[in-house]
Amino acid sequence: MVKIFLWCWTGLLTMTVLPFAVAAMRGWAPRRTRGRQPRARLQVQGVSLLVLYVAAMLHPVFRIAGILREDTDFFLPILFAALMFLAMGLQGGAALNDWFNRAHAPNASGPPIAPRSAPGLKAGAKRSTETQAHAHE
């Protein structure tokens, strides 16, 4: 019964996650996503999704291969955690790179755009009196 679950998990994960990872690595995405994110960030997200796929496949592959449970109980959490942190690091690095490039890119007039100080508030803009009153309460 356990082997059936492992094979189903492997097949379902391969059919759902792998095509999206390959598509993201190729830069294939819906038009609205391509407009918001650069192609390089989409490709990094594809690599990150592939890393998550490998992390999710560790347990079934070890069990199907018949590796002793004592061995996998020691190595599996370490490998899984390392792959999860690698995927999060790829996502975070891509987001930071995108943010720095957007924050310091020259606009039409030439000088770099300053990062925003608060969500929805442009740098140098003043808050309305109503917003200031709520901030002091």
N, C-alpha and C. Protein backbone atom coordinates (compact mmCIF):
# COMPACT_ATOMS: atom_id res chain seq x y z
N MET A 1 0.82 -1.20 0.00
CA MET A 1 0.00 0.00 0.00
C MET A 1 0.87 1.27 0.00
N VAL A 2 1.95 1.20 0.75
CA VAL A 2 2.83 2.37 0.83
C VAL A 2 3.50 2.62 -0.52
N LYS A 3 3.88 1.55 -1.22
CA LYS A 3 4.52 1.72 -2.53
C LYS A 3 3.57 2.36 -3.53
N ILE A 4 2.29 2.05 -3.45
CA ILE A 4 1.31 2.66 -4.35
C ILE A 4 1.25 4.16 -4.11
N PHE A 5 1.21 4.55 -2.84
CA PHE A 5 1.20 5.99 -2.51
C PHE A 5 2.46 6.68 -3.03
N LEU A 6 3.60 6.03 -2.86
CA LEU A 6 4.86 6.63 -3.31
C LEU A 6 4.88 6.80 -4.82
N TRP A 7 4.41 5.81 -5.56
CA TRP A 7 4.37 5.93 -7.02
C TRP A 7 3.36 6.99 -7.45
N CYS A 8 2.22 7.06 -6.78
CA CYS A 8 1.22 8.10 -7.10
C CYS A 8 1.78 9.49 -6.81
N TRP A 9 2.47 9.63 -5.68
CA TRP A 9 3.09 10.92 -5.32
C TRP A 9 4.12 11.32 -6.38
N THR A 10 4.94 10.37 -6.79
CA THR A 10 5.97 10.65 -7.79
C THR A 10 5.34 11.07 -9.12
N GLY A 11 4.32 10.33 -9.55
CA GLY A 11 3.67 10.65 -10.83
C GLY A 11 2.93 11.98 -10.79
N LEU A 12 2.18 12.21 -9.73
CA LEU A 12 1.41 13.46 -9.62
C LEU A 12 2.33 14.67 -9.51
N LEU A 13 3.38 14.55 -8.73
CA LEU A 13 4.32 15.66 -8.59
C LEU A 13 5.04 15.94 -9.92
N THR A 14 5.39 14.88 -10.63
CA THR A 14 6.07 15.06 -11.91
C THR A 14 5.14 15.71 -12.94
N MET A 15 3.87 15.30 -12.94
CA MET A 15 2.93 15.87 -13.92
C MET A 15 2.55 17.31 -13.61
N THR A 16 2.59 17.73 -12.36
CA THR A 16 2.15 19.08 -12.01
C THR A 16 3.30 20.07 -11.88
N VAL A 17 4.34 19.70 -11.19
CA VAL A 17 5.41 20.67 -10.89
C VAL A 17 6.43 20.78 -12.01
N LEU A 18 6.82 19.69 -12.58
CA LEU A 18 7.89 19.70 -13.58
C LEU A 18 7.56 20.55 -14.81
N PRO A 19 6.36 20.48 -15.38
CA PRO A 19 6.08 21.36 -16.52
C PRO A 19 6.15 22.85 -16.19
N PHE A 20 5.68 23.23 -15.00
CA PHE A 20 5.76 24.64 -14.61
C PHE A 20 7.20 25.08 -14.40
N ALA A 21 8.02 24.22 -13.84
CA ALA A 21 9.43 24.56 -13.65
C ALA A 21 10.14 24.76 -14.98
N VAL A 22 9.89 23.85 -15.91
CA VAL A 22 10.53 23.96 -17.23
C VAL A 22 10.02 25.20 -17.96
N ALA A 23 8.73 25.45 -17.88
CA ALA A 23 8.17 26.64 -18.54
C ALA A 23 8.76 27.92 -17.96
N ALA A 24 8.90 27.98 -16.64
CA ALA A 24 9.47 29.18 -16.02
C ALA A 24 10.94 29.33 -16.41
N MET A 25 11.66 28.23 -16.48
CA MET A 25 13.07 28.32 -16.87
C MET A 25 13.22 28.78 -18.32
N ARG A 26 12.27 28.44 -19.16
CA ARG A 26 12.30 28.89 -20.56
C ARG A 26 11.79 30.32 -20.71
N GLY A 27 11.18 30.86 -19.64
CA GLY A 27 10.65 32.22 -19.71
C GLY A 27 9.22 32.27 -20.19
N TRP A 28 8.56 31.11 -20.28
CA TRP A 28 7.17 31.08 -20.70
C TRP A 28 6.30 31.39 -19.50
N ALA A 29 5.50 32.42 -19.60
CA ALA A 29 4.62 32.82 -18.51
C ALA A 29 3.45 33.60 -19.10
N PRO A 30 2.38 33.76 -18.34
CA PRO A 30 1.28 34.61 -18.82
C PRO A 30 1.76 36.03 -19.09
N ARG A 31 1.08 36.73 -19.97
CA ARG A 31 1.49 38.06 -20.39
C ARG A 31 1.62 39.01 -19.21
N ARG A 32 0.66 38.95 -18.26
CA ARG A 32 0.72 39.88 -17.12
C ARG A 32 1.94 39.62 -16.23
N THR A 33 2.36 38.36 -16.13
CA THR A 33 3.55 38.03 -15.34
C THR A 33 4.80 38.50 -16.05
N ARG A 34 4.86 38.30 -17.37
CA ARG A 34 6.03 38.76 -18.13
C ARG A 34 6.17 40.27 -18.07
N GLY A 35 5.04 41.00 -17.97
CA GLY A 35 5.09 42.45 -17.91
C GLY A 35 5.60 42.97 -16.57
N ARG A 36 5.37 42.20 -15.51
CA ARG A 36 5.77 42.65 -14.18
C ARG A 36 7.16 42.22 -13.78
N GLN A 37 7.62 41.08 -14.30
CA GLN A 37 8.90 40.54 -13.87
C GLN A 37 9.83 40.38 -15.07
N PRO A 38 11.11 40.64 -14.86
CA PRO A 38 12.06 40.41 -15.95
C PRO A 38 12.23 38.91 -16.23
N ARG A 39 12.70 38.60 -17.41
CA ARG A 39 12.85 37.20 -17.82
C ARG A 39 13.82 36.46 -16.91
N ALA A 40 14.87 37.12 -16.46
CA ALA A 40 15.85 36.47 -15.60
C ALA A 40 15.22 36.02 -14.28
N ARG A 41 14.31 36.83 -13.75
CA ARG A 41 13.66 36.44 -12.49
C ARG A 41 12.74 35.24 -12.71
N LEU A 42 12.07 35.19 -13.84
CA LEU A 42 11.24 34.02 -14.15
C LEU A 42 12.11 32.76 -14.24
N GLN A 43 13.27 32.88 -14.83
CA GLN A 43 14.15 31.73 -14.95
C GLN A 43 14.67 31.28 -13.60
N VAL A 44 14.98 32.21 -12.71
CA VAL A 44 15.42 31.85 -11.36
C VAL A 44 14.28 31.18 -10.61
N GLN A 45 13.05 31.65 -10.82
CA GLN A 45 11.92 30.99 -10.18
C GLN A 45 11.74 29.57 -10.69
N GLY A 46 12.03 29.35 -11.97
CA GLY A 46 11.99 28.00 -12.52
C GLY A 46 13.02 27.09 -11.88
N VAL A 47 14.23 27.60 -11.70
CA VAL A 47 15.28 26.82 -11.04
C VAL A 47 14.88 26.54 -9.60
N SER A 48 14.31 27.53 -8.93
CA SER A 48 13.87 27.34 -7.55
C SER A 48 12.77 26.28 -7.48
N LEU A 49 11.86 26.30 -8.42
CA LEU A 49 10.80 25.30 -8.46
C LEU A 49 11.37 23.90 -8.72
N LEU A 50 12.40 23.82 -9.55
CA LEU A 50 13.07 22.53 -9.76
C LEU A 50 13.74 22.03 -8.49
N VAL A 51 14.34 22.92 -7.73
CA VAL A 51 14.97 22.55 -6.46
C VAL A 51 13.90 22.04 -5.49
N LEU A 52 12.75 22.71 -5.44
CA LEU A 52 11.66 22.25 -4.59
C LEU A 52 11.14 20.89 -5.06
N TYR A 53 11.11 20.66 -6.35
CA TYR A 53 10.69 19.37 -6.90
C TYR A 53 11.64 18.27 -6.42
N VAL A 54 12.93 18.53 -6.50
CA VAL A 54 13.91 17.54 -6.06
C VAL A 54 13.75 17.28 -4.56
N ALA A 55 13.51 18.33 -3.78
CA ALA A 55 13.31 18.15 -2.34
C ALA A 55 12.08 17.30 -2.05
N ALA A 56 11.01 17.51 -2.81
CA ALA A 56 9.79 16.73 -2.59
C ALA A 56 9.94 15.30 -3.09
N MET A 57 10.86 15.05 -3.99
CA MET A 57 11.05 13.70 -4.53
C MET A 57 12.05 12.86 -3.72
N LEU A 58 12.74 13.46 -2.78
CA LEU A 58 13.74 12.71 -2.02
C LEU A 58 13.13 11.52 -1.29
N HIS A 59 12.08 11.77 -0.53
CA HIS A 59 11.49 10.71 0.28
C HIS A 59 10.97 9.54 -0.57
N PRO A 60 10.14 9.80 -1.59
CA PRO A 60 9.66 8.66 -2.38
C PRO A 60 10.77 7.89 -3.09
N VAL A 61 11.76 8.60 -3.61
CA VAL A 61 12.84 7.91 -4.34
C VAL A 61 13.65 7.04 -3.39
N PHE A 62 13.94 7.53 -2.19
CA PHE A 62 14.68 6.72 -1.23
C PHE A 62 13.88 5.49 -0.81
N ARG A 63 12.58 5.65 -0.60
CA ARG A 63 11.75 4.52 -0.17
C ARG A 63 11.57 3.50 -1.30
N ILE A 64 11.35 3.98 -2.53
CA ILE A 64 11.17 3.06 -3.65
C ILE A 64 12.48 2.31 -3.93
N ALA A 65 13.61 2.99 -3.77
CA ALA A 65 14.91 2.36 -4.02
C ALA A 65 15.24 1.31 -2.97
N GLY A 66 14.54 1.32 -1.86
CA GLY A 66 14.76 0.32 -0.82
C GLY A 66 15.92 0.65 0.10
N ILE A 67 16.30 1.89 0.16
CA ILE A 67 17.37 2.28 1.08
C ILE A 67 16.84 2.12 2.50
N LEU A 68 17.67 1.63 3.39
CA LEU A 68 17.23 1.36 4.76
C LEU A 68 16.67 2.61 5.43
N ARG A 69 15.66 2.42 6.21
CA ARG A 69 14.97 3.55 6.84
C ARG A 69 15.88 4.31 7.80
N GLU A 70 16.76 3.60 8.49
CA GLU A 70 17.65 4.27 9.45
C GLU A 70 18.59 5.25 8.75
N ASP A 71 19.04 4.87 7.57
CA ASP A 71 19.93 5.75 6.81
C ASP A 71 19.19 7.00 6.33
N THR A 72 18.00 6.79 5.80
CA THR A 72 17.26 7.94 5.28
C THR A 72 16.74 8.84 6.39
N ASP A 73 16.46 8.28 7.56
CA ASP A 73 15.99 9.12 8.66
C ASP A 73 17.06 10.10 9.12
N PHE A 74 18.32 9.76 8.89
CA PHE A 74 19.39 10.67 9.25
C PHE A 74 19.66 11.70 8.15
N PHE A 75 19.75 11.25 6.90
CA PHE A 75 20.13 12.14 5.80
C PHE A 75 18.98 12.95 5.21
N LEU A 76 17.78 12.40 5.22
CA LEU A 76 16.66 13.06 4.55
C LEU A 76 16.33 14.43 5.11
N PRO A 77 16.22 14.62 6.44
CA PRO A 77 15.93 15.98 6.93
C PRO A 77 17.02 17.00 6.61
N ILE A 78 18.26 16.55 6.62
CA ILE A 78 19.37 17.46 6.31
C ILE A 78 19.31 17.89 4.85
N LEU A 79 19.13 16.92 3.96
CA LEU A 79 19.04 17.24 2.53
C LEU A 79 17.82 18.10 2.22
N PHE A 80 16.70 17.74 2.83
CA PHE A 80 15.47 18.49 2.59
C PHE A 80 15.62 19.95 3.04
N ALA A 81 16.16 20.15 4.24
CA ALA A 81 16.35 21.52 4.75
C ALA A 81 17.33 22.30 3.87
N ALA A 82 18.40 21.66 3.45
CA ALA A 82 19.38 22.35 2.59
C ALA A 82 18.74 22.77 1.27
N LEU A 83 17.94 21.89 0.68
CA LEU A 83 17.30 22.24 -0.58
C LEU A 83 16.23 23.32 -0.40
N MET A 84 15.51 23.28 0.69
CA MET A 84 14.51 24.32 0.96
C MET A 84 15.18 25.68 1.13
N PHE A 85 16.27 25.73 1.88
CA PHE A 85 16.98 27.00 2.06
C PHE A 85 17.60 27.48 0.75
N LEU A 86 18.05 26.56 -0.07
CA LEU A 86 18.58 26.94 -1.38
C LEU A 86 17.48 27.57 -2.23
N ALA A 87 16.31 26.96 -2.25
CA ALA A 87 15.19 27.50 -3.03
C ALA A 87 14.77 28.87 -2.50
N MET A 88 14.69 29.01 -1.17
CA MET A 88 14.33 30.32 -0.61
C MET A 88 15.40 31.35 -0.90
N GLY A 89 16.67 30.96 -0.87
CA GLY A 89 17.74 31.89 -1.18
C GLY A 89 17.70 32.34 -2.63
N LEU A 90 17.38 31.43 -3.53
CA LEU A 90 17.24 31.81 -4.94
C LEU A 90 16.09 32.81 -5.12
N GLN A 91 14.95 32.54 -4.49
CA GLN A 91 13.81 33.45 -4.60
C GLN A 91 14.14 34.81 -3.99
N GLY A 92 14.74 34.79 -2.81
CA GLY A 92 15.08 36.06 -2.15
C GLY A 92 16.12 36.84 -2.92
N GLY A 93 17.13 36.16 -3.46
CA GLY A 93 18.15 36.84 -4.25
C GLY A 93 17.58 37.44 -5.52
N ALA A 94 16.66 36.72 -6.16
CA ALA A 94 16.04 37.26 -7.37
C ALA A 94 15.17 38.47 -7.04
N ALA A 95 14.45 38.41 -5.93
CA ALA A 95 13.60 39.54 -5.53
C ALA A 95 14.44 40.75 -5.17
N LEU A 96 15.54 40.54 -4.44
CA LEU A 96 16.41 41.67 -4.08
C LEU A 96 17.07 42.28 -5.32
N ASN A 97 17.52 41.44 -6.23
CA ASN A 97 18.13 41.93 -7.45
C ASN A 97 17.13 42.76 -8.25
N ASP A 98 15.91 42.27 -8.35
CA ASP A 98 14.86 43.00 -9.06
C ASP A 98 14.57 44.33 -8.37
N TRP A 99 14.52 44.31 -7.04
CA TRP A 99 14.23 45.54 -6.28
C TRP A 99 15.34 46.56 -6.46
N PHE A 100 16.61 46.13 -6.35
CA PHE A 100 17.72 47.07 -6.51
C PHE A 100 17.77 47.63 -7.93
N ASN A 101 17.54 46.79 -8.91
CA ASN A 101 17.56 47.28 -10.29
C ASN A 101 16.43 48.26 -10.55
N ARG A 102 15.26 48.01 -9.98
CA ARG A 102 14.13 48.92 -10.16
C ARG A 102 14.33 50.21 -9.37
N ALA A 103 14.91 50.10 -8.17
CA ALA A 103 15.07 51.28 -7.32
C ALA A 103 16.14 52.23 -7.86
N HIS A 104 17.14 51.70 -8.53
CA HIS A 104 18.25 52.54 -8.98
C HIS A 104 18.30 52.71 -10.49
N ALA A 105 17.24 52.31 -11.16
CA ALA A 105 17.20 52.48 -12.61
C ALA A 105 16.88 53.93 -12.94
N PRO A 106 17.53 54.49 -13.94
CA PRO A 106 17.21 55.87 -14.31
C PRO A 106 15.83 55.96 -14.95
N ASN A 107 15.10 57.01 -14.58
CA ASN A 107 13.80 57.22 -15.21
C ASN A 107 13.97 58.15 -16.42
N ALA A 108 12.90 58.67 -16.95
CA ALA A 108 12.96 59.47 -18.17
C ALA A 108 13.79 60.73 -17.99
N SER A 109 13.78 61.34 -16.80
CA SER A 109 14.51 62.59 -16.61
C SER A 109 15.98 62.37 -16.28
N GLY A 110 16.38 61.15 -15.94
CA GLY A 110 17.79 60.90 -15.75
C GLY A 110 18.20 60.45 -14.36
N PRO A 111 17.82 61.14 -13.26
CA PRO A 111 18.34 60.72 -11.95
C PRO A 111 17.69 59.41 -11.49
N PRO A 112 18.38 58.65 -10.63
CA PRO A 112 17.82 57.39 -10.16
C PRO A 112 16.57 57.61 -9.30
N ILE A 113 15.71 56.64 -9.32
CA ILE A 113 14.48 56.71 -8.53
C ILE A 113 14.80 56.28 -7.10
N ALA A 114 14.40 57.08 -6.14
CA ALA A 114 14.64 56.74 -4.74
C ALA A 114 13.66 55.66 -4.30
N PRO A 115 14.09 54.73 -3.43
CA PRO A 115 13.18 53.72 -2.94
C PRO A 115 12.04 54.34 -2.14
N ARG A 116 10.90 53.70 -2.16
CA ARG A 116 9.75 54.22 -1.43
C ARG A 116 9.93 54.05 0.06
N SER A 117 9.42 55.02 0.82
CA SER A 117 9.55 54.95 2.27
C SER A 117 8.41 54.18 2.90
N ALA A 118 7.27 54.12 2.26
CA ALA A 118 6.13 53.38 2.77
C ALA A 118 5.33 52.86 1.58
N PRO A 119 4.60 51.75 1.79
CA PRO A 119 3.82 51.24 0.66
C PRO A 119 2.83 52.27 0.14
N GLY A 120 2.83 52.51 -1.14
CA GLY A 120 1.89 53.44 -1.75
C GLY A 120 2.28 54.90 -1.60
N LEU A 121 3.43 55.19 -0.99
CA LEU A 121 3.85 56.57 -0.78
C LEU A 121 5.15 56.78 -1.52
N LYS A 122 5.17 57.72 -2.44
CA LYS A 122 6.39 57.99 -3.20
C LYS A 122 7.38 58.73 -2.32
N ALA A 123 8.66 58.53 -2.62
CA ALA A 123 9.71 59.18 -1.84
C ALA A 123 9.56 60.69 -1.95
N GLY A 124 9.62 61.37 -0.84
CA GLY A 124 9.52 62.82 -0.82
C GLY A 124 8.11 63.34 -0.73
N ALA A 125 7.12 62.48 -0.90
CA ALA A 125 5.72 62.92 -0.83
C ALA A 125 5.29 63.03 0.63
N LYS A 126 4.42 63.98 0.89
CA LYS A 126 3.94 64.17 2.25
C LYS A 126 2.63 63.42 2.44
N ARG A 127 2.42 62.98 3.68
CA ARG A 127 1.17 62.32 4.00
C ARG A 127 0.06 63.35 4.15
N SER A 128 -1.14 62.90 3.90
CA SER A 128 -2.28 63.80 4.09
C SER A 128 -2.50 64.00 5.59
N THR A 129 -3.21 65.05 5.95
CA THR A 129 -3.46 65.34 7.37
C THR A 129 -4.30 64.23 8.00
N GLU A 130 -5.18 63.61 7.23
CA GLU A 130 -6.00 62.52 7.76
C GLU A 130 -5.13 61.31 8.11
N THR A 131 -4.16 61.01 7.28
CA THR A 131 -3.27 59.89 7.52
C THR A 131 -2.36 60.19 8.72
N GLN A 132 -1.91 61.44 8.84
CA GLN A 132 -1.07 61.82 9.97
C GLN A 132 -1.86 61.73 11.27
N ALA A 133 -3.12 62.08 11.26
CA ALA A 133 -3.93 62.01 12.48
C ALA A 133 -4.10 60.57 12.93
N HIS A 134 -4.28 59.65 11.98
CA HIS A 134 -4.42 58.25 12.34
C HIS A 134 -3.10 57.64 12.80
N ALA A 135 -2.00 58.17 12.31
CA ALA A 135 -0.70 57.64 12.70
C ALA A 135 -0.36 57.99 14.14
N HIS A 136 -0.85 59.13 14.64
CA HIS A 136 -0.54 59.55 16.00
C HIS A 136 -1.48 58.92 17.02
N GLU A 137 -2.56 58.33 16.59
CA GLU A 137 -3.52 57.73 17.53
C GLU A 137 -3.09 56.39 18.00
